[in-house]
PDB file of N, CA and C in Angstrom:
ATOM      1  N   UNK A   1       1.043  -1.420   0.047  1.00  0.00           N
ATOM      2  CA  UNK A   1      -0.081  -0.213  -0.088  1.00  0.00           C
ATOM      3  C   UNK A   1       0.525   1.384  -0.254  1.00  0.00           C
ATOM      4  N   UNK A   2       0.645   2.389  -0.953  1.00  0.00           N
ATOM      5  CA  UNK A   2       1.524   3.321  -1.148  1.00  0.00           C
ATOM      6  C   UNK A   2       0.847   4.326  -0.188  1.00  0.00           C
ATOM      7  N   UNK A   3       1.784   5.230   0.221  1.00  0.00           N
ATOM      8  CA  UNK A   3       1.683   6.089   1.285  1.00  0.00           C
ATOM      9  C   UNK A   3       0.924   7.213   0.518  1.00  0.00           C
ATOM     10  N   UNK A   4       0.682   8.165   0.768  1.00  0.00           N
ATOM     11  CA  UNK A   4      -0.160   9.374   0.374  1.00  0.00           C
ATOM     12  C   UNK A   4       0.904  10.637   1.286  1.00  0.00           C
ATOM     13  N   UNK A   5       1.104  11.617   0.587  1.00  0.00           N
ATOM     14  CA  UNK A   5       2.287  12.870   0.565  1.00  0.00           C
ATOM     15  C   UNK A   5       2.190  13.337   1.734  1.00  0.00           C
ATOM     16  N   UNK A   6       1.201  13.480   2.765  1.00  0.00           N
ATOM     17  CA  UNK A   6       0.962  13.878   3.481  1.00  0.00           C
ATOM     18  C   UNK A   6       1.124  13.011   4.810  1.00  0.00           C
ATOM     19  N   UNK A   7       0.827  11.605   4.948  1.00  0.00           N
ATOM     20  CA  UNK A   7       1.591  10.785   5.551  1.00  0.00           C
ATOM     21  C   UNK A   7       3.074  10.285   5.656  1.00  0.00           C
ATOM     22  N   UNK A   8       3.435  10.563   4.161  1.00  0.00           N
ATOM     23  CA  UNK A   8       5.040  10.291   4.324  1.00  0.00           C
ATOM     24  C   UNK A   8       6.279  11.462   5.327  1.00  0.00           C
ATOM     25  N   UNK A   9       5.256  12.704   4.797  1.00  0.00           N
ATOM     26  CA  UNK A   9       5.854  13.390   5.576  1.00  0.00           C
ATOM     27  C   UNK A   9       5.668  13.695   6.723  1.00  0.00           C
ATOM     28  N   UNK A  10       4.643  13.116   6.897  1.00  0.00           N
ATOM     29  CA  UNK A  10       4.176  13.180   9.022  1.00  0.00           C
ATOM     30  C   UNK A  10       5.401  11.988   9.141  1.00  0.00           C
ATOM     31  N   UNK A  11       5.466  11.237   8.351  1.00  0.00           N
ATOM     32  CA  UNK A  11       5.709   9.996   8.817  1.00  0.00           C
ATOM     33  C   UNK A  11       7.788  10.031   8.578  1.00  0.00           C
ATOM     34  N   UNK A  12       7.796  10.883   7.236  1.00  0.00           N
ATOM     35  CA  UNK A  12       8.807  11.566   7.548  1.00  0.00           C
ATOM     36  C   UNK A  12       9.977  12.359   8.382  1.00  0.00           C
ATOM     37  N   UNK A  13       8.780  13.497   8.946  1.00  0.00           N
ATOM     38  CA  UNK A  13       9.329  13.891  10.330  1.00  0.00           C
ATOM     39  C   UNK A  13       9.139  13.323  12.120  1.00  0.00           C
ATOM     40  N   UNK A  14       8.587  12.748  11.859  1.00  0.00           N
ATOM     41  CA  UNK A  14       8.032  11.273  13.181  1.00  0.00           C
ATOM     42  C   UNK A  14       9.789  10.411  13.069  1.00  0.00           C
ATOM     43  N   UNK A  15      10.426   9.690  12.124  1.00  0.00           N
ATOM     44  CA  UNK A  15      11.559   9.535  12.471  1.00  0.00           C
ATOM     45  C   UNK A  15      12.373  10.652  12.266  1.00  0.00           C
ATOM     46  N   UNK A  16      13.118  11.128  11.374  1.00  0.00           N
ATOM     47  CA  UNK A  16      14.242  11.579  11.961  1.00  0.00           C
ATOM     48  C   UNK A  16      14.091  12.880  13.545  1.00  0.00           C
ATOM     49  N   UNK A  17      12.575  13.012  13.915  1.00  0.00           N
ATOM     50  CA  UNK A  17      12.598  13.668  15.007  1.00  0.00           C
ATOM     51  C   UNK A  17      12.575  12.480  16.223  1.00  0.00           C
ATOM     52  N   UNK A  18      12.100  11.585  16.498  1.00  0.00           N
ATOM     53  CA  UNK A  18      11.952  10.370  17.518  1.00  0.00           C
ATOM     54  C   UNK A  18      13.256   8.718  17.182  1.00  0.00           C
ATOM     55  N   UNK A  19      12.958   8.498  15.798  1.00  0.00           N
ATOM     56  CA  UNK A  19      13.545   7.463  14.584  1.00  0.00           C
ATOM     57  C   UNK A  19      14.913   7.501  15.356  1.00  0.00           C
ATOM     58  N   UNK A  20      15.537   8.792  14.640  1.00  0.00           N
ATOM     59  CA  UNK A  20      17.216   9.234  14.394  1.00  0.00           C
ATOM     60  C   UNK A  20      17.951   9.037  15.675  1.00  0.00           C
ATOM     61  N   UNK A  21      17.758   9.800  16.609  1.00  0.00           N
ATOM     62  CA  UNK A  21      18.147  10.093  17.961  1.00  0.00           C
ATOM     63  C   UNK A  21      18.240   8.584  18.548  1.00  0.00           C
ATOM     64  N   UNK A  22      16.783   8.294  18.581  1.00  0.00           N
ATOM     65  CA  UNK A  22      17.256   6.667  19.791  1.00  0.00           C
ATOM     66  C   UNK A  22      17.733   6.052  18.636  1.00  0.00           C
ATOM     67  N   UNK A  23      18.441   5.403  16.968  1.00  0.00           N
ATOM     68  CA  UNK A  23      18.909   5.006  16.620  1.00  0.00           C
ATOM     69  C   UNK A  23      20.217   5.032  16.993  1.00  0.00           C
ATOM     70  N   UNK A  24      21.000   6.521  16.949  1.00  0.00           N
ATOM     71  CA  UNK A  24      21.854   7.043  17.491  1.00  0.00           C
ATOM     72  C   UNK A  24      22.240   6.797  19.052  1.00  0.00           C
ATOM     73  N   UNK A  25      21.544   6.561  19.969  1.00  0.00           N
ATOM     74  CA  UNK A  25      21.750   6.744  21.168  1.00  0.00           C
ATOM     75  C   UNK A  25      21.994   4.695  20.834  1.00  0.00           C
ATOM     76  N   UNK A  26      21.766   4.114  20.511  1.00  0.00           N
ATOM     77  CA  UNK A  26      21.194   2.907  20.616  1.00  0.00           C
ATOM     78  C   UNK A  26      22.987   2.082  19.623  1.00  0.00           C
ATOM     79  N   UNK A  27      23.179   2.690  18.909  1.00  0.00           N
ATOM     80  CA  UNK A  27      24.494   2.962  18.208  1.00  0.00           C
ATOM     81  C   UNK A  27      25.931   2.696  19.144  1.00  0.00           C
ATOM     82  N   UNK A  28      25.468   4.346  19.292  1.00  0.00           N
ATOM     83  CA  UNK A  28      27.101   4.507  20.608  1.00  0.00           C
ATOM     84  C   UNK A  28      26.559   3.342  21.821  1.00  0.00           C
ATOM     85  N   UNK A  29      25.738   2.539  22.192  1.00  0.00           N
ATOM     86  CA  UNK A  29      25.885   1.984  23.311  1.00  0.00           C
ATOM     87  C   UNK A  29      26.111   1.032  23.240  1.00  0.00           C
ATOM     88  N   UNK A  30      25.542   0.283  22.289  1.00  0.00           N
ATOM     89  CA  UNK A  30      26.959   0.021  21.642  1.00  0.00           C
ATOM     90  C   UNK A  30      27.706  -0.694  21.388  1.00  0.00           C
ATOM     91  N   UNK A  31      28.306   0.875  20.575  1.00  0.00           N
ATOM     92  CA  UNK A  31      29.807   0.643  20.044  1.00  0.00           C
ATOM     93  C   UNK A  31      30.652   0.618  21.657  1.00  0.00           C
ATOM     94  N   UNK A  32      29.843   1.583  22.809  1.00  0.00           N
ATOM     95  CA  UNK A  32      30.357   1.506  23.845  1.00  0.00           C
ATOM     96  C   UNK A  32      30.975   0.908  24.835  1.00  0.00           C
ATOM     97  N   UNK A  33      29.735  -0.874  24.585  1.00  0.00           N
ATOM     98  CA  UNK A  33      29.880  -1.906  25.719  1.00  0.00           C
ATOM     99  C   UNK A  33      30.855  -3.032  24.714  1.00  0.00           C
ATOM    100  N   UNK A  34      31.242  -2.650  23.659  1.00  0.00           N
ATOM    101  CA  UNK A  34      32.407  -2.934  23.466  1.00  0.00           C
ATOM    102  C   UNK A  34      33.665  -2.756  23.615  1.00  0.00           C
ATOM    103  N   UNK A  35      34.267  -3.114  23.597  1.00  0.00           N
ATOM    104  CA  UNK A  35      36.267  -2.776  24.390  1.00  0.00           C
ATOM    105  C   UNK A  35      36.312  -1.999  23.218  1.00  0.00           C
ATOM    106  N   UNK A  36      37.146  -0.425  23.621  1.00  0.00           N
ATOM    107  CA  UNK A  36      37.671   0.747  22.642  1.00  0.00           C
ATOM    108  C   UNK A  36      38.018   0.002  21.218  1.00  0.00           C
ATOM    109  N   UNK A  37      37.388   0.016  20.034  1.00  0.00           N
ATOM    110  CA  UNK A  37      38.279  -0.152  18.741  1.00  0.00           C
ATOM    111  C   UNK A  37      39.575   0.896  18.500  1.00  0.00           C
ATOM    112  N   UNK A  38      39.905   0.527  17.285  1.00  0.00           N
ATOM    113  CA  UNK A  38      40.348   1.504  17.168  1.00  0.00           C
ATOM    114  C   UNK A  38      40.041   2.385  16.178  1.00  0.00           C
ATOM    115  N   UNK A  39      40.626   4.058  15.896  1.00  0.00           N
ATOM    116  CA  UNK A  39      39.985   4.905  16.059  1.00  0.00           C
ATOM    117  C   UNK A  39      38.937   4.890  14.430  1.00  0.00           C
ATOM    118  N   UNK A  40      40.234   4.006  13.442  1.00  0.00           N
ATOM    119  CA  UNK A  40      39.444   4.430  12.133  1.00  0.00           C
ATOM    120  C   UNK A  40      38.253   3.132  12.241  1.00  0.00           C
ATOM    121  N   UNK A  41      38.826   2.286  13.132  1.00  0.00           N
ATOM    122  CA  UNK A  41      37.375   1.027  12.324  1.00  0.00           C
ATOM    123  C   UNK A  41      36.230   1.326  13.454  1.00  0.00           C
ATOM    124  N   UNK A  42      35.914   2.995  14.359  1.00  0.00           N
ATOM    125  CA  UNK A  42      35.244   3.262  15.417  1.00  0.00           C
ATOM    126  C   UNK A  42      34.116   4.084  14.087  1.00  0.00           C
ATOM    127  N   UNK A  43      35.147   4.751  13.070  1.00  0.00           N
ATOM    128  CA  UNK A  43      35.543   5.441  12.329  1.00  0.00           C
ATOM    129  C   UNK A  43      33.704   5.282  11.101  1.00  0.00           C
ATOM    130  N   UNK A  44      34.722   4.040  11.032  1.00  0.00           N
ATOM    131  CA  UNK A  44      34.304   2.976   9.362  1.00  0.00           C
ATOM    132  C   UNK A  44      32.947   2.431  10.354  1.00  0.00           C
ATOM    133  N   UNK A  45      32.724   2.139  11.511  1.00  0.00           N
ATOM    134  CA  UNK A  45      31.174   1.597  12.743  1.00  0.00           C
ATOM    135  C   UNK A  45      29.722   2.411  11.431  1.00  0.00           C
ATOM    136  N   UNK A  46      30.361   3.690  12.613  1.00  0.00           N
ATOM    137  CA  UNK A  46      29.847   5.001  12.726  1.00  0.00           C
ATOM    138  C   UNK A  46      29.219   5.350  11.003  1.00  0.00           C
ATOM    139  N   UNK A  47      30.826   5.028   9.759  1.00  0.00           N
ATOM    140  CA  UNK A  47      29.810   5.809   8.739  1.00  0.00           C
ATOM    141  C   UNK A  47      29.058   4.984   8.223  1.00  0.00           C
ATOM    142  N   UNK A  48      28.512   3.938   8.518  1.00  0.00           N
ATOM    143  CA  UNK A  48      28.184   2.135   7.730  1.00  0.00           C
ATOM    144  C   UNK A  48      26.968   2.385   8.937  1.00  0.00           C
ATOM    145  N   UNK A  49      26.519   2.706   9.702  1.00  0.00           N
ATOM    146  CA  UNK A  49      25.491   2.528  10.423  1.00  0.00           C
ATOM    147  C   UNK A  49      24.789   4.522  10.126  1.00  0.00           C
ATOM    148  N   UNK A  50      25.359   5.190   9.708  1.00  0.00           N
ATOM    149  CA  UNK A  50      24.812   5.891   9.347  1.00  0.00           C
ATOM    150  C   UNK A  50      24.685   6.419   7.929  1.00  0.00           C
ATOM    151  N   UNK A  51      24.749   5.435   7.314  1.00  0.00           N
ATOM    152  CA  UNK A  51      24.344   5.213   5.959  1.00  0.00           C
ATOM    153  C   UNK A  51      23.281   4.334   6.118  1.00  0.00           C
ATOM    154  N   UNK A  52      23.519   2.852   6.601  1.00  0.00           N
ATOM    155  CA  UNK A  52      22.262   2.054   6.649  1.00  0.00           C
ATOM    156  C   UNK A  52      20.933   2.407   7.268  1.00  0.00           C
ATOM    157  N   UNK A  53      21.453   3.929   8.343  1.00  0.00           N
ATOM    158  CA  UNK A  53      19.020   3.376   9.487  1.00  0.00           C
ATOM    159  C   UNK A  53      18.747   4.070   7.802  1.00  0.00           C
ATOM    160  N   UNK A  54      19.416   4.361   6.639  1.00  0.00           N
ATOM    161  CA  UNK A  54      18.220   5.683   5.861  1.00  0.00           C
ATOM    162  C   UNK A  54      17.904   4.691   4.988  1.00  0.00           C
ATOM    163  N   UNK A  55      18.171   3.251   4.753  1.00  0.00           N
ATOM    164  CA  UNK A  55      18.012   2.592   3.638  1.00  0.00           C
ATOM    165  C   UNK A  55      16.262   1.626   3.778  1.00  0.00           C
ATOM    166  N   UNK A  56      15.674   1.311   4.631  1.00  0.00           N
ATOM    167  CA  UNK A  56      14.623   1.013   5.043  1.00  0.00           C
ATOM    168  C   UNK A  56      13.346   1.774   4.932  1.00  0.00           C
ATOM    169  N   UNK A  57      14.104   3.710   4.314  1.00  0.00           N
ATOM    170  CA  UNK A  57      13.438   4.525   5.234  1.00  0.00           C
ATOM    171  C   UNK A  57      13.475   5.384   4.075  1.00  0.00           C
ATOM    172  N   UNK A  58      14.048   3.927   2.685  1.00  0.00           N
ATOM    173  CA  UNK A  58      13.877   5.338   1.110  1.00  0.00           C
ATOM    174  C   UNK A  58      12.408   5.287   0.777  1.00  0.00           C
ATOM    175  N   UNK A  59      11.618   4.682   0.784  1.00  0.00           N
ATOM    176  CA  UNK A  59       9.933   5.154  -0.213  1.00  0.00           C
ATOM    177  C   UNK A  59       9.816   6.181   0.953  1.00  0.00           C
ATOM    178  N   UNK A  60       9.802   5.933   1.832  1.00  0.00           N
ATOM    179  CA  UNK A  60       8.994   7.401   3.709  1.00  0.00           C
ATOM    180  C   UNK A  60       9.603   8.730   2.553  1.00  0.00           C
ATOM    181  N   UNK A  61      11.168   8.148   2.625  1.00  0.00           N
ATOM    182  CA  UNK A  61      11.524  10.570   2.489  1.00  0.00           C
ATOM    183  C   UNK A  61      11.120  10.917   0.710  1.00  0.00           C
ATOM    184  N   UNK A  62      11.228   9.212  -0.113  1.00  0.00           N
ATOM    185  CA  UNK A  62      11.439  10.311  -1.415  1.00  0.00           C
ATOM    186  C   UNK A  62       9.962  11.196  -2.504  1.00  0.00           C
ATOM    187  N   UNK A  63      11.094  12.585  -2.125  1.00  0.00           N
ATOM    188  CA  UNK A  63       9.549  13.501  -2.793  1.00  0.00           C
ATOM    189  C   UNK A  63       9.439  13.992  -1.856  1.00  0.00           C
ATOM    190  N   UNK A  64       9.646  14.257  -0.695  1.00  0.00           N
ATOM    191  CA  UNK A  64       9.117  14.677   0.771  1.00  0.00           C
ATOM    192  C   UNK A  64       9.602  15.711   0.557  1.00  0.00           C
ATOM    193  N   UNK A  65      10.338  16.599   0.010  1.00  0.00           N
ATOM    194  CA  UNK A  65      11.132  17.901  -0.293  1.00  0.00           C
ATOM    195  C   UNK A  65      10.182  19.212  -1.501  1.00  0.00           C
ATOM    196  N   UNK A  66       9.890  18.206  -2.420  1.00  0.00           N
ATOM    197  CA  UNK A  66       9.152  18.831  -3.401  1.00  0.00           C
ATOM    198  C   UNK A  66       7.638  19.245  -3.219  1.00  0.00           C
ATOM    199  N   UNK A  67       7.119  20.145  -4.071  1.00  0.00           N
ATOM    200  CA  UNK A  67       5.572  20.354  -3.873  1.00  0.00           C
ATOM    201  C   UNK A  67       4.783  19.394  -3.745  1.00  0.00           C
ATOM    202  N   UNK A  68       3.761  19.204  -3.334  1.00  0.00           N
ATOM    203  CA  UNK A  68       2.884  17.947  -2.836  1.00  0.00           C
ATOM    204  C   UNK A  68       1.658  18.105  -4.200  1.00  0.00           C
ATOM    205  N   UNK A  69       2.005  16.972  -5.116  1.00  0.00           N
ATOM    206  CA  UNK A  69       1.957  16.466  -6.130  1.00  0.00           C
ATOM    207  C   UNK A  69       0.235  16.269  -6.457  1.00  0.00           C
ATOM    208  N   UNK A  70      -0.583  15.739  -5.215  1.00  0.00           N
ATOM    209  CA  UNK A  70      -2.358  15.894  -5.395  1.00  0.00           C
ATOM    210  C   UNK A  70      -2.908  17.324  -4.878  1.00  0.00           C
ATOM    211  N   UNK A  71      -1.381  18.612  -4.631  1.00  0.00           N
ATOM    212  CA  UNK A  71      -2.564  19.701  -4.257  1.00  0.00           C
ATOM    213  C   UNK A  71      -2.852  20.117  -5.574  1.00  0.00           C
ATOM    214  N   UNK A  72      -4.090  21.163  -5.314  1.00  0.00           N
ATOM    215  CA  UNK A  72      -5.045  22.578  -6.426  1.00  0.00           C
ATOM    216  C   UNK A  72      -3.434  23.029  -7.057  1.00  0.00           C
ATOM    217  N   UNK A  73      -3.276  23.160  -8.560  1.00  0.00           N
ATOM    218  CA  UNK A  73      -1.879  24.110  -9.123  1.00  0.00           C
ATOM    219  C   UNK A  73      -3.224  25.758  -9.428  1.00  0.00           C
ATOM    220  N   UNK A  74      -2.486  26.693  -8.773  1.00  0.00           N
ATOM    221  CA  UNK A  74      -2.984  28.455  -8.960  1.00  0.00           C
ATOM    222  C   UNK A  74      -3.138  28.420 -10.227  1.00  0.00           C
ATOM    223  N   UNK A  75      -4.609  28.913 -10.004  1.00  0.00           N
ATOM    224  CA  UNK A  75      -4.469  29.729 -12.264  1.00  0.00           C
ATOM    225  C   UNK A  75      -3.495  30.513 -12.298  1.00  0.00           C
ATOM    226  N   UNK A  76      -3.202  30.832 -12.949  1.00  0.00           N
ATOM    227  CA  UNK A  76      -2.785  32.171 -13.273  1.00  0.00           C
ATOM    228  C   UNK A  76      -1.473  31.486 -14.414  1.00  0.00           C
TER     229      UNK A  76
END
């Protein structure tokens, strides 16, 4: 089922304001539980985790920054 433009905007806002900070806290917590890895390995893990979080939400974020395609066009 495809989400409407308004629901995609709302879900993207929820994901960015609630989900992303929770994901960051979880990633930092898990890395702190491990023994301190070398700096290059820690940086690599943060880069990979920074990219991976957005992949499942690609469909939600797609086209959110553009104008509403269902909105009426102004006459003129």
